[in-house]
Amino acid sequence: MTFAVSAICGETFPWKSSDTDSGTDGPIASNELTLTPVAGGTLLSLLVTYPSAEVRDMALGTGMTDGMETSYARLERTIGTA
């Protein structure tokens, strides 16, 4: 499975991008990424919508939240040093 968001961000805020997880054997989740300027930086919000509570619980049971948190912490460290 591959998930990527790419775009050129201009001066329109909040900036939003929507995508779906594809290439999976299961139901498709909808992903909405929003970048909003805040004091001292930019707030990144990711809303993942699953087709049912059962699919959501199945995804959460994979440990994806730990992996996502690790990735966001790495992103914050990288951007914070730029």
PDB file of N, CA and C in Angstrom:
ATOM      1  N   MET A   1       0.851  -1.177   0.000  1.00  0.00           N
ATOM      2  CA  MET A   1       0.000   0.000   0.000  1.00  0.00           C
ATOM      3  C   MET A   1       0.888   1.227   0.000  1.00  0.00           C
ATOM      4  N   THR A   2       0.509   2.204  -0.772  1.00  0.00           N
ATOM      5  CA  THR A   2       1.229   3.465  -0.840  1.00  0.00           C
ATOM      6  C   THR A   2       0.277   4.597  -0.511  1.00  0.00           C
ATOM      7  N   PHE A   3       0.734   5.512   0.315  1.00  0.00           N
ATOM      8  CA  PHE A   3      -0.048   6.709   0.615  1.00  0.00           C
ATOM      9  C   PHE A   3       0.900   7.891   0.533  1.00  0.00           C
ATOM     10  N   ALA A   4       0.553   8.846  -0.261  1.00  0.00           N
ATOM     11  CA  ALA A   4       1.384  10.036  -0.382  1.00  0.00           C
ATOM     12  C   ALA A   4       0.503  11.237  -0.667  1.00  0.00           C
ATOM     13  N   VAL A   5       0.922  12.376  -0.192  1.00  0.00           N
ATOM     14  CA  VAL A   5       0.248  13.635  -0.496  1.00  0.00           C
ATOM     15  C   VAL A   5       1.294  14.544  -1.104  1.00  0.00           C
ATOM     16  N   SER A   6       0.994  15.088  -2.253  1.00  0.00           N
ATOM     17  CA  SER A   6       1.923  16.038  -2.844  1.00  0.00           C
ATOM     18  C   SER A   6       1.132  17.191  -3.434  1.00  0.00           C
ATOM     19  N   ALA A   7       1.658  18.385  -3.261  1.00  0.00           N
ATOM     20  CA  ALA A   7       1.002  19.574  -3.792  1.00  0.00           C
ATOM     21  C   ALA A   7       1.941  20.749  -3.643  1.00  0.00           C
ATOM     22  N   ILE A   8       1.610  21.802  -4.323  1.00  0.00           N
ATOM     23  CA  ILE A   8       2.325  23.058  -4.148  1.00  0.00           C
ATOM     24  C   ILE A   8       1.442  23.936  -3.279  1.00  0.00           C
ATOM     25  N   CYS A   9       1.968  24.375  -2.165  1.00  0.00           N
ATOM     26  CA  CYS A   9       1.177  25.153  -1.216  1.00  0.00           C
ATOM     27  C   CYS A   9       1.438  26.637  -1.460  1.00  0.00           C
ATOM     28  N   GLY A  10       0.395  27.342  -1.805  1.00  0.00           N
ATOM     29  CA  GLY A  10       0.515  28.776  -2.043  1.00  0.00           C
ATOM     30  C   GLY A  10       0.163  29.565  -0.808  1.00  0.00           C
ATOM     31  N   GLU A  11      -0.534  30.641  -0.992  1.00  0.00           N
ATOM     32  CA  GLU A  11      -0.873  31.505   0.123  1.00  0.00           C
ATOM     33  C   GLU A  11      -2.311  31.341   0.579  1.00  0.00           C
ATOM     34  N   THR A  12      -2.994  30.319   0.121  1.00  0.00           N
ATOM     35  CA  THR A  12      -4.372  30.082   0.533  1.00  0.00           C
ATOM     36  C   THR A  12      -4.370  29.161   1.750  1.00  0.00           C
ATOM     37  N   PHE A  13      -4.893  29.648   2.848  1.00  0.00           N
ATOM     38  CA  PHE A  13      -4.947  28.841   4.066  1.00  0.00           C
ATOM     39  C   PHE A  13      -6.336  28.909   4.653  1.00  0.00           C
ATOM     40  N   PRO A  14      -6.847  27.893   5.344  1.00  0.00           N
ATOM     41  CA  PRO A  14      -6.148  26.626   5.478  1.00  0.00           C
ATOM     42  C   PRO A  14      -6.091  25.874   4.149  1.00  0.00           C
ATOM     43  N   TRP A  15      -5.002  25.163   3.943  1.00  0.00           N
ATOM     44  CA  TRP A  15      -4.793  24.370   2.746  1.00  0.00           C
ATOM     45  C   TRP A  15      -5.268  22.951   3.022  1.00  0.00           C
ATOM     46  N   LYS A  16      -6.007  22.378   2.078  1.00  0.00           N
ATOM     47  CA  LYS A  16      -6.522  21.024   2.278  1.00  0.00           C
ATOM     48  C   LYS A  16      -6.202  20.155   1.075  1.00  0.00           C
ATOM     49  N   SER A  17      -5.961  18.888   1.366  1.00  0.00           N
ATOM     50  CA  SER A  17      -5.767  17.889   0.327  1.00  0.00           C
ATOM     51  C   SER A  17      -6.538  16.649   0.737  1.00  0.00           C
ATOM     52  N   SER A  18      -7.259  16.054  -0.187  1.00  0.00           N
ATOM     53  CA  SER A  18      -8.000  14.835   0.102  1.00  0.00           C
ATOM     54  C   SER A  18      -7.479  13.712  -0.772  1.00  0.00           C
ATOM     55  N   ASP A  19      -7.439  12.516  -0.227  1.00  0.00           N
ATOM     56  CA  ASP A  19      -6.959  11.352  -0.947  1.00  0.00           C
ATOM     57  C   ASP A  19      -7.623  10.124  -0.353  1.00  0.00           C
ATOM     58  N   THR A  20      -7.453   9.007  -1.009  1.00  0.00           N
ATOM     59  CA  THR A  20      -7.934   7.743  -0.468  1.00  0.00           C
ATOM     60  C   THR A  20      -6.796   6.755  -0.470  1.00  0.00           C
ATOM     61  N   ASP A  21      -6.787   5.867   0.524  1.00  0.00           N
ATOM     62  CA  ASP A  21      -5.821   4.770   0.535  1.00  0.00           C
ATOM     63  C   ASP A  21      -6.202   3.838  -0.597  1.00  0.00           C
ATOM     64  N   SER A  22      -5.273   3.533  -1.459  1.00  0.00           N
ATOM     65  CA  SER A  22      -5.571   2.610  -2.548  1.00  0.00           C
ATOM     66  C   SER A  22      -4.522   1.506  -2.566  1.00  0.00           C
ATOM     67  N   GLY A  23      -4.818   0.456  -3.288  1.00  0.00           N
ATOM     68  CA  GLY A  23      -3.894  -0.654  -3.357  1.00  0.00           C
ATOM     69  C   GLY A  23      -4.004  -1.586  -2.173  1.00  0.00           C
ATOM     70  N   THR A  24      -5.082  -1.486  -1.431  1.00  0.00           N
ATOM     71  CA  THR A  24      -5.288  -2.374  -0.292  1.00  0.00           C
ATOM     72  C   THR A  24      -6.309  -3.437  -0.649  1.00  0.00           C
ATOM     73  N   ASP A  25      -6.309  -4.507   0.121  1.00  0.00           N
ATOM     74  CA  ASP A  25      -7.295  -5.562  -0.070  1.00  0.00           C
ATOM     75  C   ASP A  25      -8.612  -5.231   0.620  1.00  0.00           C
ATOM     76  N   GLY A  26      -8.575  -4.290   1.532  1.00  0.00           N
ATOM     77  CA  GLY A  26      -9.759  -3.974   2.322  1.00  0.00           C
ATOM     78  C   GLY A  26     -10.483  -2.745   1.832  1.00  0.00           C
ATOM     79  N   PRO A  27     -11.447  -2.288   2.625  1.00  0.00           N
ATOM     80  CA  PRO A  27     -12.204  -1.080   2.274  1.00  0.00           C
ATOM     81  C   PRO A  27     -11.296   0.147   2.228  1.00  0.00           C
ATOM     82  N   ILE A  28     -11.699   1.130   1.469  1.00  0.00           N
ATOM     83  CA  ILE A  28     -10.902   2.336   1.277  1.00  0.00           C
ATOM     84  C   ILE A  28     -11.251   3.372   2.341  1.00  0.00           C
ATOM     85  N   ALA A  29     -10.222   3.970   2.911  1.00  0.00           N
ATOM     86  CA  ALA A  29     -10.396   5.052   3.875  1.00  0.00           C
ATOM     87  C   ALA A  29     -10.167   6.375   3.155  1.00  0.00           C
ATOM     88  N   SER A  30     -10.842   7.401   3.614  1.00  0.00           N
ATOM     89  CA  SER A  30     -10.678   8.739   3.066  1.00  0.00           C
ATOM     90  C   SER A  30      -9.762   9.529   3.993  1.00  0.00           C
ATOM     91  N   ASN A  31      -8.789  10.236   3.417  1.00  0.00           N
ATOM     92  CA  ASN A  31      -7.819  10.999   4.193  1.00  0.00           C
ATOM     93  C   ASN A  31      -7.895  12.467   3.802  1.00  0.00           C
ATOM     94  N   GLU A  32      -8.013  13.347   4.805  1.00  0.00           N
ATOM     95  CA  GLU A  32      -8.014  14.781   4.536  1.00  0.00           C
ATOM     96  C   GLU A  32      -6.925  15.436   5.366  1.00  0.00           C
ATOM     97  N   LEU A  33      -5.948  16.013   4.675  1.00  0.00           N
ATOM     98  CA  LEU A  33      -4.829  16.688   5.312  1.00  0.00           C
ATOM     99  C   LEU A  33      -5.069  18.185   5.234  1.00  0.00           C
ATOM    100  N   THR A  34      -4.949  18.870   6.367  1.00  0.00           N
ATOM    101  CA  THR A  34      -5.143  20.322   6.410  1.00  0.00           C
ATOM    102  C   THR A  34      -3.923  20.968   7.055  1.00  0.00           C
ATOM    103  N   LEU A  35      -3.408  22.015   6.418  1.00  0.00           N
ATOM    104  CA  LEU A  35      -2.322  22.817   6.975  1.00  0.00           C
ATOM    105  C   LEU A  35      -2.882  24.196   7.288  1.00  0.00           C
ATOM    106  N   THR A  36      -2.737  24.612   8.550  1.00  0.00           N
ATOM    107  CA  THR A  36      -3.290  25.895   8.996  1.00  0.00           C
ATOM    108  C   THR A  36      -2.207  26.679   9.726  1.00  0.00           C
ATOM    109  N   PRO A  37      -1.991  27.939   9.357  1.00  0.00           N
ATOM    110  CA  PRO A  37      -0.987  28.733  10.065  1.00  0.00           C
ATOM    111  C   PRO A  37      -1.453  29.035  11.493  1.00  0.00           C
ATOM    112  N   VAL A  38      -0.536  28.900  12.413  1.00  0.00           N
ATOM    113  CA  VAL A  38      -0.779  29.246  13.816  1.00  0.00           C
ATOM    114  C   VAL A  38       0.436  30.031  14.303  1.00  0.00           C
ATOM    115  N   ALA A  39       0.298  30.661  15.446  1.00  0.00           N
ATOM    116  CA  ALA A  39       1.413  31.425  15.995  1.00  0.00           C
ATOM    117  C   ALA A  39       2.634  30.515  16.142  1.00  0.00           C
ATOM    118  N   GLY A  40       3.721  30.885  15.511  1.00  0.00           N
ATOM    119  CA  GLY A  40       4.960  30.131  15.645  1.00  0.00           C
ATOM    120  C   GLY A  40       5.101  28.940  14.721  1.00  0.00           C
ATOM    121  N   GLY A  41       4.171  28.729  13.796  1.00  0.00           N
ATOM    122  CA  GLY A  41       4.335  27.580  12.912  1.00  0.00           C
ATOM    123  C   GLY A  41       3.098  27.256  12.103  1.00  0.00           C
ATOM    124  N   THR A  42       2.975  25.997  11.764  1.00  0.00           N
ATOM    125  CA  THR A  42       1.860  25.501  10.967  1.00  0.00           C
ATOM    126  C   THR A  42       1.288  24.262  11.636  1.00  0.00           C
ATOM    127  N   LEU A  43      -0.027  24.223  11.765  1.00  0.00           N
ATOM    128  CA  LEU A  43      -0.712  23.077  12.341  1.00  0.00           C
ATOM    129  C   LEU A  43      -1.069  22.113  11.222  1.00  0.00           C
ATOM    130  N   LEU A  44      -0.620  20.864  11.333  1.00  0.00           N
ATOM    131  CA  LEU A  44      -0.968  19.816  10.386  1.00  0.00           C
ATOM    132  C   LEU A  44      -2.035  18.951  11.039  1.00  0.00           C
ATOM    133  N   SER A  45      -3.177  18.813  10.365  1.00  0.00           N
ATOM    134  CA  SER A  45      -4.252  17.953  10.865  1.00  0.00           C
ATOM    135  C   SER A  45      -4.549  16.908   9.805  1.00  0.00           C
ATOM    136  N   LEU A  46      -4.707  15.664  10.227  1.00  0.00           N
ATOM    137  CA  LEU A  46      -5.061  14.589   9.313  1.00  0.00           C
ATOM    138  C   LEU A  46      -6.327  13.927   9.834  1.00  0.00           C
ATOM    139  N   LEU A  47      -7.380  13.971   9.024  1.00  0.00           N
ATOM    140  CA  LEU A  47      -8.648  13.321   9.363  1.00  0.00           C
ATOM    141  C   LEU A  47      -8.786  12.095   8.479  1.00  0.00           C
ATOM    142  N   VAL A  48      -8.837  10.913   9.090  1.00  0.00           N
ATOM    143  CA  VAL A  48      -9.019   9.670   8.354  1.00  0.00           C
ATOM    144  C   VAL A  48     -10.438   9.185   8.640  1.00  0.00           C
ATOM    145  N   THR A  49     -11.215   8.984   7.583  1.00  0.00           N
ATOM    146  CA  THR A  49     -12.597   8.525   7.722  1.00  0.00           C
ATOM    147  C   THR A  49     -12.708   7.113   7.171  1.00  0.00           C
ATOM    148  N   TYR A  50     -13.157   6.204   8.006  1.00  0.00           N
ATOM    149  CA  TYR A  50     -13.309   4.801   7.617  1.00  0.00           C
ATOM    150  C   TYR A  50     -14.771   4.525   7.277  1.00  0.00           C
ATOM    151  N   PRO A  51     -15.023   3.508   6.449  1.00  0.00           N
ATOM    152  CA  PRO A  51     -16.396   3.219   6.042  1.00  0.00           C
ATOM    153  C   PRO A  51     -17.274   2.663   7.170  1.00  0.00           C
ATOM    154  N   SER A  52     -16.655   2.194   8.266  1.00  0.00           N
ATOM    155  CA  SER A  52     -17.440   1.668   9.386  1.00  0.00           C
ATOM    156  C   SER A  52     -16.576   1.651  10.646  1.00  0.00           C
ATOM    157  N   ALA A  53     -17.226   1.530  11.790  1.00  0.00           N
ATOM    158  CA  ALA A  53     -16.503   1.440  13.066  1.00  0.00           C
ATOM    159  C   ALA A  53     -15.657   0.170  13.115  1.00  0.00           C
ATOM    160  N   GLU A  54     -16.149  -0.891  12.498  1.00  0.00           N
ATOM    161  CA  GLU A  54     -15.402  -2.153  12.491  1.00  0.00           C
ATOM    162  C   GLU A  54     -14.089  -2.013  11.723  1.00  0.00           C
ATOM    163  N   VAL A  55     -14.142  -1.332  10.579  1.00  0.00           N
ATOM    164  CA  VAL A  55     -12.923  -1.123   9.786  1.00  0.00           C
ATOM    165  C   VAL A  55     -11.968  -0.206  10.538  1.00  0.00           C
ATOM    166  N   ARG A  56     -12.507   0.817  11.186  1.00  0.00           N
ATOM    167  CA  ARG A  56     -11.669   1.722  11.987  1.00  0.00           C
ATOM    168  C   ARG A  56     -10.947   0.955  13.088  1.00  0.00           C
ATOM    169  N   ASP A  57     -11.694   0.121  13.809  1.00  0.00           N
ATOM    170  CA  ASP A  57     -11.102  -0.649  14.900  1.00  0.00           C
ATOM    171  C   ASP A  57     -10.048  -1.622  14.387  1.00  0.00           C
ATOM    172  N   MET A  58     -10.290  -2.199  13.215  1.00  0.00           N
ATOM    173  CA  MET A  58      -9.327  -3.108  12.622  1.00  0.00           C
ATOM    174  C   MET A  58      -8.031  -2.358  12.297  1.00  0.00           C
ATOM    175  N   ALA A  59      -8.159  -1.157  11.722  1.00  0.00           N
ATOM    176  CA  ALA A  59      -6.977  -0.351  11.397  1.00  0.00           C
ATOM    177  C   ALA A  59      -6.219   0.047  12.661  1.00  0.00           C
ATOM    178  N   LEU A  60      -6.945   0.464  13.685  1.00  0.00           N
ATOM    179  CA  LEU A  60      -6.293   0.848  14.940  1.00  0.00           C
ATOM    180  C   LEU A  60      -5.582  -0.323  15.595  1.00  0.00           C
ATOM    181  N   GLY A  61      -6.101  -1.528  15.377  1.00  0.00           N
ATOM    182  CA  GLY A  61      -5.498  -2.728  15.950  1.00  0.00           C
ATOM    183  C   GLY A  61      -4.175  -3.114  15.310  1.00  0.00           C
ATOM    184  N   THR A  62      -3.823  -2.487  14.188  1.00  0.00           N
ATOM    185  CA  THR A  62      -2.571  -2.810  13.500  1.00  0.00           C
ATOM    186  C   THR A  62      -1.370  -2.109  14.114  1.00  0.00           C
ATOM    187  N   GLY A  63      -1.591  -1.177  15.023  1.00  0.00           N
ATOM    188  CA  GLY A  63      -0.496  -0.403  15.596  1.00  0.00           C
ATOM    189  C   GLY A  63      -0.152   0.829  14.772  1.00  0.00           C
ATOM    190  N   MET A  64      -1.029   1.167  13.826  1.00  0.00           N
ATOM    191  CA  MET A  64      -0.758   2.299  12.931  1.00  0.00           C
ATOM    192  C   MET A  64      -0.596   3.618  13.686  1.00  0.00           C
ATOM    193  N   THR A  65      -1.275   3.758  14.821  1.00  0.00           N
ATOM    194  CA  THR A  65      -1.169   5.035  15.546  1.00  0.00           C
ATOM    195  C   THR A  65       0.256   5.249  16.050  1.00  0.00           C
ATOM    196  N   ASP A  66       0.928   4.191  16.489  1.00  0.00           N
ATOM    197  CA  ASP A  66       2.316   4.324  16.940  1.00  0.00           C
ATOM    198  C   ASP A  66       3.220   4.716  15.773  1.00  0.00           C
ATOM    199  N   GLY A  67       3.009   4.091  14.620  1.00  0.00           N
ATOM    200  CA  GLY A  67       3.816   4.400  13.443  1.00  0.00           C
ATOM    201  C   GLY A  67       3.595   5.822  12.961  1.00  0.00           C
ATOM    202  N   MET A  68       2.337   6.253  12.988  1.00  0.00           N
ATOM    203  CA  MET A  68       2.042   7.621  12.565  1.00  0.00           C
ATOM    204  C   MET A  68       2.668   8.627  13.522  1.00  0.00           C
ATOM    205  N   GLU A  69       2.580   8.361  14.817  1.00  0.00           N
ATOM    206  CA  GLU A  69       3.168   9.267  15.805  1.00  0.00           C
ATOM    207  C   GLU A  69       4.680   9.361  15.610  1.00  0.00           C
ATOM    208  N   THR A  70       5.332   8.236  15.351  1.00  0.00           N
ATOM    209  CA  THR A  70       6.771   8.229  15.105  1.00  0.00           C
ATOM    210  C   THR A  70       7.108   9.071  13.874  1.00  0.00           C
ATOM    211  N   SER A  71       6.312   8.926  12.825  1.00  0.00           N
ATOM    212  CA  SER A  71       6.553   9.683  11.590  1.00  0.00           C
ATOM    213  C   SER A  71       6.351  11.182  11.806  1.00  0.00           C
ATOM    214  N   TYR A  72       5.300  11.557  12.518  1.00  0.00           N
ATOM    215  CA  TYR A  72       5.051  12.981  12.764  1.00  0.00           C
ATOM    216  C   TYR A  72       6.118  13.585  13.671  1.00  0.00           C
ATOM    217  N   ALA A  73       6.604  12.826  14.638  1.00  0.00           N
ATOM    218  CA  ALA A  73       7.680  13.325  15.508  1.00  0.00           C
ATOM    219  C   ALA A  73       8.950  13.532  14.691  1.00  0.00           C
ATOM    220  N   ARG A  74       9.259  12.614  13.768  1.00  0.00           N
ATOM    221  CA  ARG A  74      10.426  12.760  12.901  1.00  0.00           C
ATOM    222  C   ARG A  74      10.266  13.986  11.995  1.00  0.00           C
ATOM    223  N   LEU A  75       9.069  14.182  11.450  1.00  0.00           N
ATOM    224  CA  LEU A  75       8.805  15.355  10.613  1.00  0.00           C
ATOM    225  C   LEU A  75       9.008  16.640  11.408  1.00  0.00           C
ATOM    226  N   GLU A  76       8.496  16.659  12.633  1.00  0.00           N
ATOM    227  CA  GLU A  76       8.635  17.853  13.476  1.00  0.00           C
ATOM    228  C   GLU A  76      10.107  18.145  13.781  1.00  0.00           C
ATOM    229  N   ARG A  77      10.889  17.093  14.065  1.00  0.00           N
ATOM    230  CA  ARG A  77      12.314  17.287  14.321  1.00  0.00           C
ATOM    231  C   ARG A  77      13.019  17.817  13.071  1.00  0.00           C
ATOM    232  N   THR A  78      12.662  17.275  11.913  1.00  0.00           N
ATOM    233  CA  THR A  78      13.310  17.688  10.672  1.00  0.00           C
ATOM    234  C   THR A  78      12.974  19.126  10.324  1.00  0.00           C
ATOM    235  N   ILE A  79      11.709  19.475  10.408  1.00  0.00           N
ATOM    236  CA  ILE A  79      11.280  20.838  10.081  1.00  0.00           C
ATOM    237  C   ILE A  79      11.789  21.825  11.114  1.00  0.00           C
ATOM    238  N   GLY A  80      11.810  21.395  12.359  1.00  0.00           N
ATOM    239  CA  GLY A  80      12.268  22.276  13.440  1.00  0.00           C
ATOM    240  C   GLY A  80      13.721  22.675  13.303  1.00  0.00           C
ATOM    241  N   THR A  81      14.499  21.875  12.580  1.00  0.00           N
ATOM    242  CA  THR A  81      15.929  22.194  12.414  1.00  0.00           C
ATOM    243  C   THR A  81      16.206  22.884  11.099  1.00  0.00           C
ATOM    244  N   ALA A  82      15.162  23.058  10.275  1.00  0.00           N
ATOM    245  CA  ALA A  82      15.373  23.679   8.945  1.00  0.00           C
ATOM    246  C   ALA A  82      15.528  25.172   9.048  1.00  0.00           C
TER     247      ALA A  82
END
